[in-house]
Amino acid sequence: MPKKAKPAGTGKEEGPVPCKQLKMEAAGRPSTLNFNHPSGLFESLISPIKTETFFKEFWEQKPLIIQRDEPALATYYQSLFKLSDLKSLCSRGSLYYGRDINVCRCVNGKKKVLNKDGKVHFLQLRKDFDHKRATIQFHQPQRFKDELWKIQEKLECYFGSLVGSNVYMTPAGSQGLPPHYDDVEVFILQLEGEKHWRLYHPTVPLAREYSVEAEDRIGRPTHEVTLKPGDLLYFPRGTIHQADTPPGLAHSTHVTISTYQNNSWGDFLLDTISGLVLDTAKEDMEFRAGIPRQLLLQVETAAVATRRLSGFLRKLADRLEGNNVLLSSDMKKDFVMNRLPPYYEGDGAELSTPGGQVPRLDSIVRLQFKDHVVLTVGPDQSRSDETQDKMVYVYHSLKNRRALHMMGNEETECHGLRFPLSHVDALKQIWNSSAISVKDLKLTTDEEKESLVLSLWTECLIQV
């Protein structure tokens, strides 16, 4: 969506860093992950590195390699996904080549796809694995494996961004993918066997797209390491990498957990600026004035137009700094409608059936599933005219379908509520309080207060 700590290089190495320099002694750390809260999960995932150190020295900057010699952790990692799991998953008859599984091999620096058509059958899959030395890439295993769902759901809460995963199973002496870089932050968890990794300087730091790189362009590795079960490797988006299973050993299985795709300041600016321009144009006639005649026919933008645009941008900046409205409507909505639902055991009734007594004016209420709910302001989507009023929207992921997570399915829908803009301060009170009395909400009438909390309670968003 993964020893004494030593940074995985400064980017100035002349050759591969010897593996012995990357060893970490993880004395005294817990043997499994901490699921008590999202920050605890991430802390245990990168232990013994501290989160403050990680974000200061590694995040978006350079790789981190953590090698652990912990049998209990290795056993736990192996339980996340095994090659043998494929037999039962294929027996369901719902896995398809391309959508759920890719079969591929790196041949002469290029990716050769060996997919068949239609449904995946285990015997054919195993045949390609054993005889063609092909890598099996399993897309988004958190749809089927509960423990990965549990991990990735917590990480989505921690990062506030979608967290996907892929499992790679590679035979001994084989490589599945050519050198390439990705547009996501990557955490590798080694599950079975050993995997040999080589990392290289980025040609596009913090890349926004996936790209294959030719061997003759990438130079010597900056880092080289062989991961064993229980080990973790992190590298930023844009880091060129390739991996193979050493010959003469058992097959290798690792899971790539990735996050922060299209989650940059540039994306946030694009998401914010359009609404800011439209709001400003309603109040400032200069923004509604026509552009000069034939401006769109000119080869180069005229200096007068550039100066005018610069002035508008300065006005927008001034407006933004003096504004405390809720920003980023589209990014918030996209995240919450496409993320995993909260992890649960059993039938998940607490996500679909309101619990406890109906809230009244004298009730004390508190928000639940806070990490799965977003609050934002946007135009009234029920109206199509130009005088759309602003509404406040409460979106949540309680009803999201785990089976669709990260699959790009158009059937995904957004769940939530909308209220008049006059309700925004009352909603902020609920969001920012550990508990609050309904009668203390900043609304004009008692009826509005009761109606607001009843709507939230019916949607399973608050407890009484």
Protein backbone atom coordinates (compact mmCIF):
# COMPACT_ATOMS: atom_id res chain seq x y z
CA MET A 1 0.00 0.00 0.00
CA PRO A 2 7.47 -3.67 5.14
CA LYS A 3 19.77 -4.20 14.21
CA LYS A 4 20.93 -0.75 14.51
CA ALA A 5 19.25 1.52 11.97
CA LYS A 6 21.33 2.75 9.06
CA PRO A 7 19.85 4.91 6.26
CA ALA A 8 19.71 3.10 2.95
CA GLY A 9 22.23 5.39 1.33
CA THR A 10 22.67 9.08 0.57
CA GLY A 11 22.40 8.81 -3.19
CA LYS A 12 26.20 9.34 -3.58
CA GLU A 13 27.39 5.73 -3.63
CA GLU A 14 29.69 4.66 -6.46
CA GLY A 15 28.37 1.10 -6.36
CA PRO A 16 25.98 -1.21 -4.55
CA VAL A 17 25.85 -0.93 -0.78
CA PRO A 18 26.93 -4.26 0.75
CA CYS A 19 24.04 -6.01 2.44
CA LYS A 20 25.99 -6.38 5.70
CA GLN A 21 25.95 -2.59 6.10
CA LEU A 22 22.16 -2.54 6.02
CA LYS A 23 21.57 -5.02 8.83
CA MET A 24 19.35 -3.92 11.71
CA GLU A 25 19.09 -5.53 15.10
CA ALA A 26 15.44 -5.20 16.14
CA ALA A 27 15.92 -6.24 19.75
CA GLY A 28 12.86 -6.09 21.93
CA ARG A 29 10.30 -4.98 19.30
CA PRO A 30 6.85 -6.59 19.10
CA SER A 31 6.72 -9.64 16.88
CA THR A 32 3.49 -8.66 15.09
CA LEU A 33 1.80 -5.44 14.03
CA ASN A 34 -0.08 -3.08 16.34
CA PHE A 35 -3.67 -2.56 15.19
CA ASN A 36 -4.86 -0.42 18.11
CA HIS A 37 -4.82 2.75 16.01
CA PRO A 38 -3.49 3.84 12.57
CA SER A 39 -0.32 5.50 13.88
CA GLY A 40 0.46 2.40 15.97
CA LEU A 41 0.13 0.21 12.90
CA PHE A 42 2.56 2.32 10.88
CA GLU A 43 5.01 2.57 13.79
CA SER A 44 5.08 -1.21 14.12
CA LEU A 45 5.39 -1.66 10.34
CA ILE A 46 8.64 0.34 10.13
CA SER A 47 10.00 -0.55 13.59
CA PRO A 48 12.69 -0.04 14.84
CA ILE A 49 12.76 3.19 12.79
CA LYS A 50 10.76 5.95 14.50
CA THR A 51 8.04 7.66 12.45
CA GLU A 52 9.58 11.10 13.07
CA THR A 53 12.87 9.85 11.66
CA PHE A 54 11.15 8.17 8.73
CA PHE A 55 9.31 11.29 7.55
CA LYS A 56 12.28 13.56 8.19
CA GLU A 57 14.94 11.45 6.47
CA PHE A 58 13.32 8.94 4.10
CA TRP A 59 9.76 9.81 2.97
CA GLU A 60 9.90 11.12 -0.63
CA GLN A 61 13.69 11.33 -0.30
CA LYS A 62 15.51 7.99 -0.30
CA PRO A 63 15.06 4.24 0.26
CA LEU A 64 14.93 2.52 3.63
CA ILE A 65 15.88 -1.13 4.10
CA ILE A 66 14.96 -2.96 7.30
CA GLN A 67 16.26 -6.50 7.68
CA ARG A 68 14.93 -8.43 10.64
CA ASP A 69 15.83 -11.78 12.10
CA GLU A 70 12.53 -12.47 13.87
CA PRO A 71 10.90 -15.88 13.35
CA ALA A 72 7.54 -14.75 14.77
CA LEU A 73 7.34 -11.76 12.43
CA ALA A 74 8.48 -13.87 9.48
CA THR A 75 5.72 -16.38 10.24
CA TYR A 76 3.15 -13.56 10.40
CA TYR A 77 4.32 -12.10 7.08
CA GLN A 78 4.09 -15.55 5.48
CA SER A 79 0.45 -15.75 6.59
CA LEU A 80 -0.46 -12.62 4.61
CA PHE A 81 -0.26 -14.39 1.25
CA LYS A 82 1.33 -17.64 0.06
CA LEU A 83 1.72 -19.23 -3.35
CA SER A 84 -0.44 -22.09 -2.06
CA ASP A 85 -3.32 -19.63 -1.49
CA LEU A 86 -3.80 -19.41 -5.26
CA LYS A 87 -5.40 -22.86 -5.47
CA SER A 88 -8.36 -21.99 -3.24
CA LEU A 89 -8.70 -18.50 -4.74
CA CYS A 90 -8.79 -19.88 -8.29
CA SER A 91 -11.35 -22.50 -7.26
CA ARG A 92 -13.88 -19.72 -6.70
CA GLY A 93 -14.05 -19.27 -10.47
CA SER A 94 -14.12 -15.48 -10.24
CA LEU A 95 -10.50 -14.62 -11.09
CA TYR A 96 -9.71 -13.35 -14.58
CA TYR A 97 -6.48 -12.74 -16.47
CA GLY A 98 -5.68 -9.05 -16.79
CA ARG A 99 -8.15 -7.92 -14.16
CA ASP A 100 -7.05 -10.06 -11.21
CA ILE A 101 -3.89 -11.82 -12.34
CA ASN A 102 -1.02 -11.11 -14.74
CA VAL A 103 1.51 -13.74 -15.75
CA CYS A 104 4.75 -12.23 -17.02
CA ARG A 105 8.51 -12.55 -17.32
CA CYS A 106 11.35 -10.14 -18.01
CA VAL A 107 13.08 -11.20 -21.26
CA ASN A 108 16.02 -9.14 -22.59
CA GLY A 109 15.01 -6.12 -20.56
CA LYS A 110 11.37 -6.19 -21.67
CA LYS A 111 8.18 -7.40 -20.02
CA LYS A 112 6.66 -10.41 -21.76
CA VAL A 113 3.01 -10.98 -20.80
CA LEU A 114 1.92 -14.63 -20.85
CA ASN A 115 -1.75 -14.19 -19.93
CA LYS A 116 -4.37 -16.54 -21.26
CA ASP A 117 -7.95 -15.44 -22.00
CA GLY A 118 -10.84 -15.49 -19.58
CA LYS A 119 -10.92 -17.18 -16.18
CA VAL A 120 -7.79 -18.23 -14.34
CA HIS A 121 -7.34 -21.97 -13.69
CA PHE A 122 -4.82 -23.00 -11.08
CA LEU A 123 -3.28 -25.92 -13.01
CA GLN A 124 -2.46 -23.69 -15.97
CA LEU A 125 -1.15 -20.99 -13.64
CA ARG A 126 1.12 -23.45 -11.87
CA LYS A 127 2.31 -24.83 -15.20
CA ASP A 128 3.38 -21.36 -16.40
CA PHE A 129 5.03 -20.76 -13.03
CA ASP A 130 7.00 -24.01 -13.01
CA HIS A 131 7.86 -24.49 -16.68
CA LYS A 132 7.95 -20.97 -18.13
CA ARG A 133 9.53 -19.51 -14.97
CA ALA A 134 6.85 -16.79 -15.07
CA THR A 135 6.01 -14.35 -12.30
CA ILE A 136 2.42 -14.34 -11.06
CA GLN A 137 1.17 -10.85 -10.20
CA PHE A 138 -1.99 -10.86 -8.08
CA HIS A 139 -3.88 -7.55 -8.10
CA GLN A 140 -5.34 -6.06 -4.91
CA PRO A 141 -5.26 -9.19 -2.69
CA GLN A 142 -6.85 -7.20 0.17
CA ARG A 143 -10.16 -7.98 -1.58
CA PHE A 144 -9.73 -11.61 -0.52
CA LYS A 145 -7.24 -11.71 2.37
CA ASP A 146 -8.64 -10.31 5.61
CA GLU A 147 -5.31 -9.51 7.24
CA LEU A 148 -4.23 -7.38 4.26
CA TRP A 149 -7.62 -5.61 4.41
CA LYS A 150 -6.94 -4.94 8.09
CA ILE A 151 -3.47 -3.52 7.34
CA GLN A 152 -4.44 -1.40 4.36
CA GLU A 153 -7.59 0.00 5.96
CA LYS A 154 -5.48 1.28 8.87
CA LEU A 155 -2.87 2.69 6.47
CA GLU A 156 -5.57 4.56 4.51
CA CYS A 157 -6.62 6.16 7.80
CA TYR A 158 -2.99 6.99 8.59
CA PHE A 159 -2.05 8.50 5.23
CA GLY A 160 -5.44 9.93 4.26
CA SER A 161 -4.81 8.46 0.82
CA LEU A 162 -5.76 5.29 -1.06
CA VAL A 163 -3.52 2.30 -0.30
CA GLY A 164 -3.34 -0.51 -2.87
CA SER A 165 -1.32 -3.70 -3.05
CA ASN A 166 -0.04 -6.35 -5.43
CA VAL A 167 1.49 -9.75 -4.62
CA TYR A 168 4.38 -10.98 -6.78
CA MET A 169 5.31 -14.68 -6.85
CA THR A 170 8.51 -15.42 -8.78
CA PRO A 171 10.27 -18.78 -9.34
CA ALA A 172 13.94 -19.28 -8.49
CA GLY A 173 16.37 -17.82 -11.02
CA SER A 174 13.73 -15.63 -12.65
CA GLN A 175 12.67 -11.97 -12.91
CA GLY A 176 9.15 -10.75 -13.62
CA LEU A 177 9.53 -7.06 -14.53
CA PRO A 178 12.26 -4.97 -16.23
CA PRO A 179 13.80 -1.94 -14.50
CA HIS A 180 11.08 0.66 -14.02
CA TYR A 181 9.75 3.36 -11.71
CA ASP A 182 6.28 3.95 -10.29
CA ASP A 183 4.08 6.94 -9.41
CA VAL A 184 3.43 5.69 -5.86
CA GLU A 185 5.26 5.43 -2.54
CA VAL A 186 6.20 1.78 -2.17
CA PHE A 187 6.52 -0.49 0.88
CA ILE A 188 7.76 -4.03 0.12
CA LEU A 189 7.00 -6.81 2.64
CA GLN A 190 8.90 -10.02 1.95
CA LEU A 191 6.55 -12.96 2.61
CA GLU A 192 8.14 -16.18 1.27
CA GLY A 193 11.65 -17.08 0.11
CA GLU A 194 14.21 -14.45 -0.86
CA LYS A 195 14.08 -11.58 -3.34
CA HIS A 196 17.17 -9.74 -4.65
CA TRP A 197 16.58 -6.00 -5.18
CA ARG A 198 18.56 -3.35 -7.06
CA LEU A 199 17.65 0.33 -6.74
CA TYR A 200 18.91 3.20 -8.92
CA HIS A 201 18.92 7.00 -8.98
CA PRO A 202 15.58 8.43 -10.18
CA THR A 203 15.56 10.02 -13.61
CA VAL A 204 12.26 11.68 -12.60
CA PRO A 205 12.15 12.34 -8.82
CA LEU A 206 8.63 11.98 -7.36
CA ALA A 207 7.36 10.78 -10.73
CA ARG A 208 3.69 11.16 -11.66
CA GLU A 209 3.58 8.17 -14.01
CA TYR A 210 4.92 4.64 -14.47
CA SER A 211 7.78 4.12 -16.90
CA VAL A 212 10.21 1.38 -17.94
CA GLU A 213 13.89 2.37 -18.06
CA ALA A 214 16.52 0.78 -20.31
CA GLU A 215 19.45 -0.92 -18.56
CA ASP A 216 22.00 1.24 -20.40
CA ARG A 217 20.42 4.44 -19.02
CA ILE A 218 20.20 3.70 -15.32
CA GLY A 219 23.86 3.21 -14.39
CA ARG A 220 25.02 1.24 -11.36
CA PRO A 221 22.69 0.45 -8.45
CA THR A 222 22.77 2.82 -5.50
CA HIS A 223 21.46 0.04 -3.24
CA GLU A 224 21.44 -3.73 -3.51
CA VAL A 225 19.93 -6.12 -0.99
CA THR A 226 18.35 -9.56 -0.65
CA LEU A 227 15.16 -9.55 1.45
CA LYS A 228 14.00 -12.49 3.58
CA PRO A 229 10.61 -13.09 5.25
CA GLY A 230 9.92 -10.36 7.81
CA ASP A 231 12.08 -7.77 6.00
CA LEU A 232 10.78 -4.44 4.69
CA LEU A 233 11.92 -2.14 1.91
CA TYR A 234 10.59 1.38 1.28
CA PHE A 235 11.38 3.63 -1.67
CA PRO A 236 9.85 6.89 -2.97
CA ARG A 237 7.92 7.23 -6.21
CA GLY A 238 10.29 7.65 -9.12
CA THR A 239 12.91 5.25 -7.69
CA ILE A 240 14.10 2.95 -10.47
CA HIS A 241 14.11 -0.66 -9.33
CA GLN A 242 14.25 -4.28 -10.44
CA ALA A 243 14.01 -7.53 -8.48
CA ASP A 244 14.71 -11.22 -9.09
CA THR A 245 14.58 -14.47 -7.16
CA PRO A 246 18.11 -15.87 -6.69
CA PRO A 247 18.77 -19.20 -8.47
CA GLY A 248 18.89 -22.44 -6.56
CA LEU A 249 16.41 -21.30 -3.90
CA ALA A 250 12.68 -21.67 -3.33
CA HIS A 251 10.27 -19.29 -5.01
CA SER A 252 9.83 -15.76 -3.67
CA THR A 253 6.60 -14.03 -2.66
CA HIS A 254 6.39 -10.38 -1.69
CA VAL A 255 3.57 -7.86 -1.38
CA THR A 256 3.95 -4.31 -2.63
CA ILE A 257 1.86 -1.87 -0.59
CA SER A 258 1.56 1.49 -2.34
CA THR A 259 0.09 4.91 -1.61
CA TYR A 260 0.12 8.64 -2.51
CA GLN A 261 -0.80 8.35 -6.16
CA ASN A 262 -1.94 11.77 -7.46
CA ASN A 263 -1.73 13.14 -3.92
CA SER A 264 0.71 16.03 -4.41
CA TRP A 265 0.46 19.77 -3.75
CA GLY A 266 -0.06 20.18 -7.49
CA ASP A 267 -3.10 17.90 -7.37
CA PHE A 268 -4.45 19.72 -4.31
CA LEU A 269 -3.95 23.09 -6.01
CA LEU A 270 -5.82 21.95 -9.12
CA ASP A 271 -8.62 20.64 -6.91
CA THR A 272 -8.85 23.86 -4.92
CA ILE A 273 -8.29 26.56 -7.50
CA SER A 274 -11.32 25.95 -9.75
CA GLY A 275 -13.81 26.40 -6.94
CA LEU A 276 -11.92 29.44 -5.67
CA VAL A 277 -12.03 31.07 -9.10
CA LEU A 278 -15.76 30.45 -9.50
CA ASP A 279 -16.53 31.81 -6.02
CA THR A 280 -14.39 34.90 -6.61
CA ALA A 281 -15.98 35.56 -10.01
CA LYS A 282 -19.39 35.77 -8.35
CA GLU A 283 -18.20 38.67 -6.21
CA ASP A 284 -15.55 40.40 -8.37
CA MET A 285 -16.67 41.86 -11.69
CA GLU A 286 -13.06 41.95 -12.98
CA PHE A 287 -13.06 38.15 -13.11
CA ARG A 288 -16.26 38.28 -15.20
CA ALA A 289 -14.91 40.79 -17.73
CA GLY A 290 -14.17 39.45 -21.20
CA ILE A 291 -10.66 38.63 -22.38
CA PRO A 292 -9.20 40.83 -25.21
CA ARG A 293 -10.45 40.21 -28.72
CA GLN A 294 -8.52 37.55 -30.67
CA LEU A 295 -6.47 36.55 -27.61
CA LEU A 296 -7.09 32.88 -28.37
CA LEU A 297 -5.80 33.33 -31.95
CA GLN A 298 -2.37 34.62 -30.90
CA VAL A 299 0.68 32.37 -31.13
CA GLU A 300 2.10 33.67 -27.85
CA THR A 301 0.25 35.02 -24.83
CA ALA A 302 0.40 38.81 -24.89
CA ALA A 303 2.30 40.57 -22.11
CA VAL A 304 -0.84 42.44 -21.09
CA ALA A 305 -2.68 39.13 -20.64
CA THR A 306 0.17 37.67 -18.57
CA ARG A 307 0.17 40.72 -16.29
CA ARG A 308 -3.59 40.50 -15.89
CA LEU A 309 -3.45 36.80 -15.01
CA SER A 310 -0.67 37.47 -12.50
CA GLY A 311 -2.87 40.09 -10.86
CA PHE A 312 -5.77 37.68 -10.67
CA LEU A 313 -3.54 35.03 -9.06
CA ARG A 314 -2.41 37.52 -6.42
CA LYS A 315 -6.06 38.34 -5.67
CA LEU A 316 -6.84 34.64 -5.35
CA ALA A 317 -3.89 34.17 -2.99
CA ASP A 318 -5.12 37.02 -0.79
CA ARG A 319 -8.61 35.57 -0.78
CA LEU A 320 -7.32 32.10 0.06
CA GLU A 321 -5.24 33.29 3.02
CA GLY A 322 -8.23 35.04 4.56
CA ASN A 323 -10.55 32.11 4.04
CA ASN A 324 -11.27 29.22 6.41
CA VAL A 325 -13.80 27.36 4.27
CA LEU A 326 -13.48 23.61 3.73
CA LEU A 327 -11.33 23.03 0.65
CA SER A 328 -10.68 20.14 -1.74
CA SER A 329 -14.16 18.88 -2.48
CA ASP A 330 -13.28 16.53 -5.35
CA MET A 331 -10.14 14.95 -3.84
CA LYS A 332 -11.91 14.32 -0.54
CA LYS A 333 -14.91 12.79 -2.29
CA ASP A 334 -12.77 10.62 -4.58
CA PHE A 335 -10.76 9.30 -1.64
CA VAL A 336 -13.69 8.42 0.57
CA MET A 337 -15.77 6.78 -2.17
CA ASN A 338 -12.91 4.56 -3.38
CA ARG A 339 -11.26 3.52 -0.11
CA LEU A 340 -11.74 0.36 1.94
CA PRO A 341 -14.63 0.13 4.40
CA PRO A 342 -13.69 -0.15 8.09
CA TYR A 343 -12.28 -3.56 8.97
CA TYR A 344 -14.70 -5.73 10.93
CA GLU A 345 -15.11 -9.32 12.03
CA GLY A 346 -18.49 -10.99 11.67
CA ASP A 347 -21.36 -9.49 9.70
CA GLY A 348 -20.40 -5.81 10.16
CA ALA A 349 -23.81 -4.90 11.51
CA GLU A 350 -22.35 -1.89 13.33
CA LEU A 351 -21.69 -0.29 9.93
CA SER A 352 -25.25 -0.61 8.68
CA THR A 353 -27.54 -0.59 11.72
CA PRO A 354 -27.74 2.36 14.15
CA GLY A 355 -26.97 1.27 17.68
CA GLY A 356 -28.26 2.50 21.03
CA GLN A 357 -31.07 4.90 21.71
CA VAL A 358 -32.37 7.54 19.31
CA PRO A 359 -30.65 10.91 19.97
CA ARG A 360 -32.73 13.66 21.60
CA LEU A 361 -32.11 17.29 22.50
CA ASP A 362 -30.67 16.36 25.90
CA SER A 363 -28.41 13.59 24.48
CA ILE A 364 -24.62 13.60 24.47
CA VAL A 365 -23.27 12.46 21.11
CA ARG A 366 -19.88 11.70 19.63
CA LEU A 367 -18.64 10.98 16.12
CA GLN A 368 -17.65 7.37 15.38
CA PHE A 369 -15.59 6.03 12.49
CA LYS A 370 -14.05 9.51 12.31
CA ASP A 371 -11.18 8.30 10.12
CA HIS A 372 -13.74 7.15 7.56
CA VAL A 373 -15.77 10.36 7.30
CA VAL A 374 -14.98 13.63 5.52
CA LEU A 375 -16.70 17.00 5.68
CA THR A 376 -16.64 19.36 2.73
CA VAL A 377 -18.51 22.26 1.12
CA GLY A 378 -19.65 22.32 -2.48
CA PRO A 379 -22.38 23.45 -4.86
CA ASP A 380 -25.86 22.01 -4.54
CA GLN A 381 -25.59 19.07 -6.93
CA SER A 382 -29.37 18.73 -7.15
CA ARG A 383 -29.58 22.00 -9.09
CA SER A 384 -28.21 22.71 -12.55
CA ASP A 385 -28.70 26.47 -12.76
CA GLU A 386 -25.89 28.99 -12.33
CA THR A 387 -27.16 30.23 -8.95
CA GLN A 388 -26.36 27.01 -7.14
CA ASP A 389 -26.29 27.46 -3.39
CA LYS A 390 -23.45 25.99 -1.38
CA MET A 391 -24.19 22.87 0.65
CA VAL A 392 -22.15 21.04 3.26
CA TYR A 393 -21.55 17.37 2.46
CA VAL A 394 -20.73 14.51 4.83
CA TYR A 395 -19.21 11.62 2.88
CA HIS A 396 -18.27 8.27 4.43
CA SER A 397 -16.92 4.84 3.45
CA LEU A 398 -18.99 2.64 5.80
CA LYS A 399 -20.96 1.16 2.90
CA ASN A 400 -18.07 0.82 0.44
CA ARG A 401 -17.61 -2.58 -1.18
CA ARG A 402 -14.30 -4.20 -0.35
CA ALA A 403 -14.48 -6.30 -3.53
CA LEU A 404 -14.19 -3.15 -5.68
CA HIS A 405 -11.25 -1.58 -3.86
CA MET A 406 -8.65 -0.12 -6.26
CA MET A 407 -10.22 -1.90 -9.23
CA GLY A 408 -11.25 1.22 -11.15
CA ASN A 409 -14.84 0.01 -11.24
CA GLU A 410 -17.47 2.47 -12.48
CA GLU A 411 -20.04 0.92 -10.15
CA THR A 412 -18.44 2.73 -7.19
CA GLU A 413 -20.84 5.17 -5.57
CA CYS A 414 -20.54 7.84 -2.93
CA HIS A 415 -22.39 7.47 0.36
CA GLY A 416 -23.29 10.33 2.66
CA LEU A 417 -25.52 13.23 3.61
CA ARG A 418 -25.92 16.86 2.68
CA PHE A 419 -27.06 19.79 4.76
CA PRO A 420 -27.63 23.54 4.27
CA LEU A 421 -24.48 25.63 4.62
CA SER A 422 -25.93 27.04 7.86
CA HIS A 423 -25.21 23.64 9.46
CA VAL A 424 -21.45 23.76 8.88
CA ASP A 425 -20.53 25.21 12.31
CA ALA A 426 -22.64 22.61 14.13
CA LEU A 427 -21.01 19.84 12.14
CA LYS A 428 -17.56 21.23 12.93
CA GLN A 429 -18.51 21.15 16.63
CA ILE A 430 -19.30 17.45 16.37
CA TRP A 431 -16.08 16.79 14.43
CA ASN A 432 -13.86 18.69 16.85
CA SER A 433 -15.38 17.46 20.14
CA SER A 434 -14.81 14.15 21.88
CA ALA A 435 -18.49 14.44 22.94
CA ILE A 436 -21.04 17.23 22.79
CA SER A 437 -24.57 17.91 23.99
CA VAL A 438 -27.12 18.20 21.18
CA LYS A 439 -28.63 21.34 22.76
CA ASP A 440 -25.21 23.08 22.51
CA LEU A 441 -25.01 22.80 18.73
CA LYS A 442 -24.80 26.12 16.87
CA LEU A 443 -28.17 25.96 15.12
CA THR A 444 -31.12 28.32 15.35
CA THR A 445 -33.86 25.92 16.47
CA ASP A 446 -34.08 22.78 18.60
CA GLU A 447 -35.78 21.05 15.68
CA GLU A 448 -32.73 21.66 13.47
CA LYS A 449 -30.42 20.28 16.18
CA GLU A 450 -32.44 17.10 16.61
CA SER A 451 -32.85 16.63 12.88
CA LEU A 452 -29.11 16.96 12.28
CA VAL A 453 -28.06 14.36 14.87
CA LEU A 454 -30.88 12.02 13.87
CA SER A 455 -29.60 12.04 10.27
CA LEU A 456 -26.04 11.30 11.41
CA TRP A 457 -27.23 8.57 13.79
CA THR A 458 -29.35 6.90 11.11
CA GLU A 459 -26.20 6.81 8.91
CA CYS A 460 -24.30 5.14 11.82
CA LEU A 461 -21.92 8.11 12.08
CA ILE A 462 -22.57 9.07 15.71
CA GLN A 463 -23.03 7.29 19.02
CA VAL A 464 -25.35 8.53 21.75
